[in-house]
Protein backbone atom coordinates (compact mmCIF):
# COMPACT_ATOMS: atom_id res chain seq x y z
CA MET A 1 -44.94 -74.10 118.51
CA ASN A 2 -45.05 -73.40 122.39
CA LYS A 3 -41.42 -74.46 122.71
CA PHE A 4 -40.52 -72.11 119.86
CA ARG A 5 -42.20 -69.23 121.44
CA VAL A 6 -40.54 -70.01 124.86
CA THR A 7 -37.23 -70.14 123.09
CA LEU A 8 -37.88 -66.72 121.49
CA ASN A 9 -38.93 -65.19 124.82
CA ILE A 10 -35.76 -66.52 126.52
CA LEU A 11 -33.57 -65.12 123.70
CA ALA A 12 -35.34 -61.71 123.99
CA VAL A 13 -34.64 -61.61 127.74
CA VAL A 14 -31.02 -62.55 127.23
CA PHE A 15 -30.63 -59.85 124.56
CA CYS A 16 -32.15 -57.17 126.91
CA ILE A 17 -29.83 -58.29 129.83
CA LEU A 18 -26.84 -58.07 127.57
CA ALA A 19 -27.95 -54.67 126.31
CA VAL A 20 -28.42 -53.35 129.74
CA ASN A 21 -25.12 -54.71 130.91
CA SER A 22 -23.38 -53.08 127.98
CA LEU A 23 -24.97 -49.71 128.64
CA ALA A 24 -24.06 -50.05 132.32
CA HIS A 25 -20.41 -50.75 131.41
CA ALA A 26 -20.12 -47.96 128.89
CA GLN A 27 -20.15 -44.85 130.93
CA THR A 28 -20.17 -41.28 129.72
CA ARG A 29 -17.38 -40.42 132.24
CA THR A 30 -14.71 -42.82 133.45
CA TRP A 31 -11.79 -42.43 135.82
CA VAL A 32 -8.18 -43.62 136.09
CA SER A 33 -5.91 -43.61 139.13
CA GLY A 34 -2.33 -44.31 139.92
CA VAL A 35 -3.63 -46.93 142.41
CA GLY A 36 -6.50 -48.14 140.19
CA ASN A 37 -7.16 -51.53 138.58
CA ASP A 38 -8.30 -52.18 134.93
CA ALA A 39 -10.63 -55.00 136.32
CA ASN A 40 -12.64 -52.16 138.04
CA PRO A 41 -15.67 -50.58 136.22
CA CYS A 42 -13.73 -47.25 136.01
CA SER A 43 -16.10 -45.41 138.15
CA ARG A 44 -15.01 -42.57 140.48
CA THR A 45 -15.03 -44.99 143.46
CA ALA A 46 -13.43 -47.90 141.53
CA PRO A 47 -11.16 -46.36 138.89
CA CYS A 48 -9.04 -48.08 136.33
CA LYS A 49 -5.29 -48.12 136.18
CA THR A 50 -4.64 -47.14 132.50
CA PHE A 51 -6.21 -45.26 129.71
CA ALA A 52 -6.35 -48.54 127.63
CA GLY A 53 -8.30 -50.14 130.40
CA ALA A 54 -10.82 -47.25 130.66
CA ILE A 55 -11.37 -46.61 127.00
CA SER A 56 -13.45 -49.78 126.41
CA LYS A 57 -15.71 -48.80 129.23
CA THR A 58 -16.17 -45.23 128.00
CA SER A 59 -19.14 -44.50 125.80
CA LEU A 60 -18.97 -42.81 122.40
CA ASN A 61 -18.23 -39.01 122.90
CA GLY A 62 -17.45 -39.76 126.58
CA GLU A 63 -14.62 -38.55 128.70
CA ILE A 64 -11.73 -40.15 130.68
CA ASN A 65 -10.55 -38.09 133.68
CA CYS A 66 -7.76 -38.63 136.19
CA LEU A 67 -8.39 -38.88 139.98
CA ASP A 68 -4.82 -38.43 141.04
CA PRO A 69 -1.24 -38.09 139.52
CA GLY A 70 0.11 -41.18 137.77
CA GLY A 71 1.43 -42.86 134.53
CA PHE A 72 -1.53 -44.19 132.65
CA GLY A 73 0.12 -45.85 129.81
CA THR A 74 -0.11 -45.70 125.98
CA VAL A 75 -3.46 -46.14 124.14
CA THR A 76 -5.02 -46.59 120.73
CA ILE A 77 -8.23 -44.49 120.37
CA THR A 78 -10.95 -45.95 118.16
CA LYS A 79 -13.95 -43.83 118.85
CA SER A 80 -14.79 -40.12 119.55
CA ILE A 81 -13.61 -39.47 123.03
CA THR A 82 -12.01 -36.91 125.38
CA ILE A 83 -9.01 -37.67 127.72
CA ASP A 84 -8.76 -34.72 130.08
CA CYS A 85 -6.54 -34.74 133.18
CA HIS A 86 -6.62 -30.99 133.80
CA GLU A 87 -5.09 -29.97 137.13
CA VAL A 88 -3.73 -33.51 137.75
CA PHE A 89 -0.31 -34.67 136.64
CA ALA A 90 -0.96 -37.45 134.02
CA SER A 91 1.93 -39.10 132.17
CA VAL A 92 2.21 -41.30 129.18
CA LEU A 93 5.52 -43.21 129.08
CA ASN A 94 6.07 -44.03 125.33
CA SER A 95 9.58 -45.41 125.44
CA GLY A 96 10.27 -47.48 122.34
CA THR A 97 6.77 -46.95 121.00
CA ASN A 98 3.95 -44.36 120.22
CA GLY A 99 2.22 -42.56 123.01
CA ILE A 100 -1.34 -42.22 121.64
CA ASN A 101 -2.46 -43.66 118.33
CA ILE A 102 -5.56 -42.19 116.55
CA PRO A 103 -6.27 -44.41 113.43
CA PHE A 104 -9.52 -42.97 112.24
CA ASP A 105 -9.98 -45.65 109.61
CA ASN A 106 -10.36 -48.07 112.48
CA PHE A 107 -13.03 -46.21 114.44
CA THR A 108 -15.72 -48.67 115.35
CA ALA A 109 -18.52 -46.67 116.92
CA VAL A 110 -21.72 -46.19 115.02
CA GLY A 111 -23.62 -42.92 114.95
CA GLU A 112 -20.79 -40.49 115.23
CA THR A 113 -21.79 -37.06 113.93
CA ARG A 114 -18.14 -36.13 113.60
CA LYS A 115 -15.02 -38.08 114.67
CA THR A 116 -13.46 -35.96 117.21
CA VAL A 117 -10.63 -36.69 119.72
CA ARG A 118 -9.72 -34.21 122.47
CA LEU A 119 -6.53 -34.65 124.52
CA ARG A 120 -5.81 -32.27 127.44
CA ASN A 121 -3.24 -31.86 130.12
CA LEU A 122 -1.11 -34.94 129.16
CA ASN A 123 2.58 -35.32 129.60
CA PHE A 124 4.32 -37.62 127.06
CA ASN A 125 7.81 -39.00 127.92
CA GLY A 126 9.64 -40.83 125.21
CA ALA A 127 12.62 -41.43 127.60
CA ASP A 128 14.91 -40.90 124.53
CA THR A 129 13.64 -43.94 122.78
CA GLY A 130 10.08 -42.94 121.93
CA LEU A 131 8.71 -42.97 118.47
CA VAL A 132 5.75 -40.57 118.05
CA GLY A 133 3.93 -38.88 120.87
CA ILE A 134 0.61 -38.41 119.15
CA ASN A 135 0.21 -40.40 115.90
CA ILE A 136 -2.89 -39.44 113.76
CA THR A 137 -3.69 -41.54 110.69
CA GLY A 138 -6.60 -42.34 108.34
CA ALA A 139 -7.78 -42.27 104.77
CA ALA A 140 -11.43 -41.87 103.81
CA GLY A 141 -12.30 -42.73 107.41
CA SER A 142 -10.69 -39.40 108.46
CA ASN A 143 -12.75 -37.10 106.40
CA ASN A 144 -13.95 -34.09 108.45
CA SER A 145 -12.23 -35.57 111.59
CA GLU A 146 -10.91 -33.33 114.31
CA VAL A 147 -8.17 -33.61 116.85
CA PHE A 148 -7.58 -31.07 119.68
CA VAL A 149 -4.41 -31.03 121.68
CA GLU A 150 -4.48 -28.64 124.61
CA ASP A 151 -2.09 -28.06 127.60
CA CYS A 152 0.20 -31.03 126.76
CA LEU A 153 3.92 -31.67 126.94
CA LEU A 154 5.70 -33.89 124.57
CA ASP A 155 9.39 -34.71 125.18
CA GLY A 156 12.23 -37.14 124.34
CA ASN A 157 11.49 -39.11 121.18
CA PHE A 158 14.72 -40.03 119.50
CA SER A 159 14.24 -43.33 117.77
CA GLY A 160 14.45 -43.14 113.99
CA THR A 161 12.44 -40.29 112.48
CA ALA A 162 10.71 -39.61 115.84
CA ARG A 163 8.14 -36.90 116.03
CA GLY A 164 6.12 -35.07 118.69
CA ILE A 165 2.75 -34.85 116.85
CA PHE A 166 2.49 -36.54 113.53
CA ASP A 167 -0.62 -35.94 111.40
CA GLN A 168 -0.71 -38.36 108.47
CA ARG A 169 -4.39 -38.14 107.57
CA THR A 170 -5.17 -38.11 103.85
CA GLY A 171 -8.94 -37.58 104.26
CA SER A 172 -10.57 -34.23 103.25
CA ASN A 173 -11.18 -31.27 105.46
CA THR A 174 -9.28 -32.55 108.56
CA LEU A 175 -8.61 -30.45 111.54
CA LEU A 176 -5.72 -30.39 114.03
CA SER A 177 -5.77 -27.78 116.65
CA ILE A 178 -2.83 -27.38 119.09
CA ASN A 179 -3.05 -24.93 121.99
CA ASN A 180 -0.73 -24.13 124.97
CA THR A 181 1.44 -27.18 124.20
CA THR A 182 5.21 -27.84 124.45
CA VAL A 183 7.06 -30.14 122.00
CA ARG A 184 10.81 -30.48 122.63
CA ASP A 185 13.74 -32.80 122.10
CA MET A 186 12.61 -34.65 118.97
CA ASN A 187 14.97 -36.50 116.76
CA SER A 188 13.03 -35.36 113.65
CA THR A 189 10.07 -32.92 113.55
CA GLY A 190 8.21 -31.48 116.51
CA ILE A 191 4.89 -30.98 114.72
CA SER A 192 4.61 -32.69 111.28
CA ILE A 193 1.76 -32.48 108.77
CA VAL A 194 2.04 -34.71 105.73
CA GLY A 195 -1.45 -35.78 104.58
CA SER A 196 -4.12 -33.74 102.83
CA SER A 197 -4.16 -30.61 100.78
CA THR A 198 -7.39 -29.67 102.50
CA ALA A 199 -5.92 -30.20 106.10
CA ARG A 200 -6.57 -27.33 108.52
CA VAL A 201 -3.96 -26.83 111.17
CA SER A 202 -4.03 -24.22 114.06
CA ILE A 203 -1.05 -23.83 116.45
CA SER A 204 -1.39 -21.23 119.17
CA ARG A 205 0.50 -20.23 122.36
CA SER A 206 2.88 -23.12 122.10
CA LEU A 207 6.68 -23.82 122.12
CA VAL A 208 8.61 -26.06 119.76
CA ALA A 209 12.26 -26.46 120.74
CA ASN A 210 15.32 -28.63 120.21
CA CYS A 211 13.93 -30.67 117.34
CA ALA A 212 15.32 -31.12 113.83
CA PHE A 213 12.42 -29.15 112.33
CA GLY A 214 10.07 -27.13 114.50
CA VAL A 215 6.82 -27.32 112.39
CA ALA A 216 7.04 -29.03 108.96
CA ALA A 217 4.19 -29.39 106.55
CA ALA A 218 3.94 -31.12 103.22
CA GLN A 219 0.29 -30.33 102.63
CA GLY A 220 -2.45 -28.06 104.03
CA ARG A 221 -3.08 -24.52 105.44
CA ILE A 222 -1.30 -23.93 108.70
CA THR A 223 -1.95 -20.98 110.94
CA ILE A 224 0.61 -20.31 113.72
CA TYR A 225 -0.14 -17.65 116.31
CA ASP A 226 1.70 -16.52 119.47
CA THR A 227 4.16 -19.45 119.28
CA VAL A 228 7.94 -19.82 120.00
CA LEU A 229 10.16 -21.94 117.69
CA VAL A 230 13.67 -21.99 119.02
CA SER A 231 16.89 -23.92 118.71
CA ASN A 232 15.73 -26.39 116.09
CA SER A 233 18.73 -27.79 114.18
CA THR A 234 17.32 -27.46 110.64
CA SER A 235 14.69 -24.86 110.55
CA GLY A 236 11.98 -23.40 112.67
CA LEU A 237 9.22 -23.57 109.95
CA ASP A 238 9.33 -25.66 106.87
CA ALA A 239 6.61 -25.63 104.12
CA GLU A 240 6.93 -28.01 101.24
CA SER A 241 4.93 -28.11 98.04
CA GLY A 242 1.26 -27.82 98.77
CA ALA A 243 1.63 -26.24 102.17
CA THR A 244 0.94 -22.68 103.15
CA MET A 245 1.82 -21.18 106.53
CA ASP A 246 0.55 -17.95 108.07
CA VAL A 247 2.77 -16.85 110.90
CA ASP A 248 1.58 -14.14 113.30
CA HIS A 249 3.03 -12.74 116.60
CA CYS A 250 5.61 -15.54 116.99
CA VAL A 251 9.20 -15.82 117.97
CA VAL A 252 11.59 -17.70 115.62
CA ALA A 253 15.14 -17.77 117.02
CA LYS A 254 18.35 -19.63 117.14
CA ASN A 255 17.33 -22.21 114.50
CA THR A 256 20.64 -23.45 113.23
CA THR A 257 20.15 -23.65 109.47
CA SER A 258 17.19 -21.21 108.80
CA GLY A 259 14.29 -19.73 110.54
CA PHE A 260 11.92 -20.18 107.58
CA GLN A 261 12.13 -22.53 104.67
CA ALA A 262 9.74 -22.88 101.79
CA ASN A 263 10.58 -25.53 99.32
CA GLY A 264 8.74 -26.41 96.10
CA ALA A 265 6.10 -24.77 93.87
CA GLY A 266 3.04 -23.72 95.84
CA SER A 267 4.82 -23.55 99.20
CA ALA A 268 4.53 -20.38 100.98
CA ILE A 269 5.27 -18.78 104.41
CA ARG A 270 3.70 -15.38 105.18
CA VAL A 271 5.05 -13.66 108.26
CA SER A 272 3.53 -10.81 110.29
CA ASN A 273 4.28 -9.15 113.67
CA THR A 274 7.01 -11.77 114.39
CA THR A 275 10.41 -11.52 115.97
CA ALA A 276 13.03 -13.47 114.02
CA VAL A 277 16.59 -13.28 115.46
CA ASN A 278 19.87 -15.26 115.40
CA ASN A 279 18.90 -17.89 112.82
CA GLY A 280 21.55 -19.36 110.71
CA THR A 281 19.82 -17.95 107.79
CA MET A 282 16.66 -15.89 108.11
CA ALA A 283 14.82 -17.63 105.26
CA THR A 284 15.37 -19.82 102.25
CA ALA A 285 13.05 -20.34 99.33
CA SER A 286 13.73 -22.88 96.57
CA ALA A 287 12.06 -24.53 93.65
CA GLY A 288 9.31 -21.92 93.49
CA GLY A 289 8.61 -21.57 97.21
CA ILE A 290 8.03 -18.10 98.72
CA VAL A 291 8.83 -16.61 102.07
CA SER A 292 7.29 -13.11 102.40
CA SER A 293 6.95 -10.51 105.03
CA TYR A 294 4.21 -7.96 105.70
CA GLY A 295 6.94 -5.53 106.67
CA ASN A 296 6.10 -5.33 110.28
CA ASN A 297 8.52 -7.96 111.79
CA GLN A 298 11.45 -7.41 114.04
CA THR A 299 14.66 -9.11 112.64
CA ALA A 300 18.26 -9.30 113.66
CA GLY A 301 21.30 -11.05 112.14
CA ALA A 302 19.71 -11.19 108.62
CA ALA A 303 16.66 -9.91 106.75
CA PHE A 304 14.04 -11.57 104.84
CA PRO A 305 15.11 -12.33 101.27
CA SER A 306 14.11 -10.44 98.24
CA PRO A 307 11.45 -10.20 97.04
CA ASN A 308 10.19 -9.07 100.46
CA THR A 309 6.71 -7.78 99.40
CA PRO A 310 3.47 -8.11 101.23
CA PRO A 311 1.38 -10.91 99.75
CA LEU A 312 -2.15 -10.17 98.43
């Protein structure tokens, strides 16, 4: 009996030591540096080299910051976290692959109030062979999940149907918020939303240029404000069946085929206070889709198609 008690006591001590070590290694704030090492604890004085090296040492709802300029590699995120390199040049080279993967179904942390990922001040370089800059996936595990993309640049994905930001979540009530971000030079779509009818998407103060489609949505409710969509080879904005876009104070210009495209029953693009000029066709609506104007837009080269009546 005494041996049994001694064994239990030893096991309890070992468990406590392991728990303390785990807490010590999972820091609320971790750091990466261009001259860091992933064998380090990712502290400010001993930073890691890559985001992938830092994420395992960052606690749930913690934050990874950058000490100095550098390329910090691709990463798959599996818990609520912030990567914020504001005021420091931070690059993700995603040639031949995705830049950041966010598979919400694979999130492993326990006790998350809401699955949330925040990405700020990151530069994604596909080097002409990149696939997807930010790839967001998930089924039931993505219910009520949130992704915030702020002050980012995504450039140069040309492999296959490459995209800048690709939101494929099929869970309910998802949120994608994009602010002050540039997406350019994509072989397919700059910003693509294909998942849930209850998806909520907000795009503000951003630029989408030189893609096949600027912003394309197959599902969800998309609000686009103070954003420039220019020189996209197919259309600036594309809404398919199940998608509604509200466009306000934007510039839609020099898109080769059309500025606005609504295709399929239930698809709608409603446009207000927007400058739309020099597009191949101002707007196309097919198979029950609707493109409508509030009557306060500036246009040149073509007008919005009839009926051009304010929506209710």
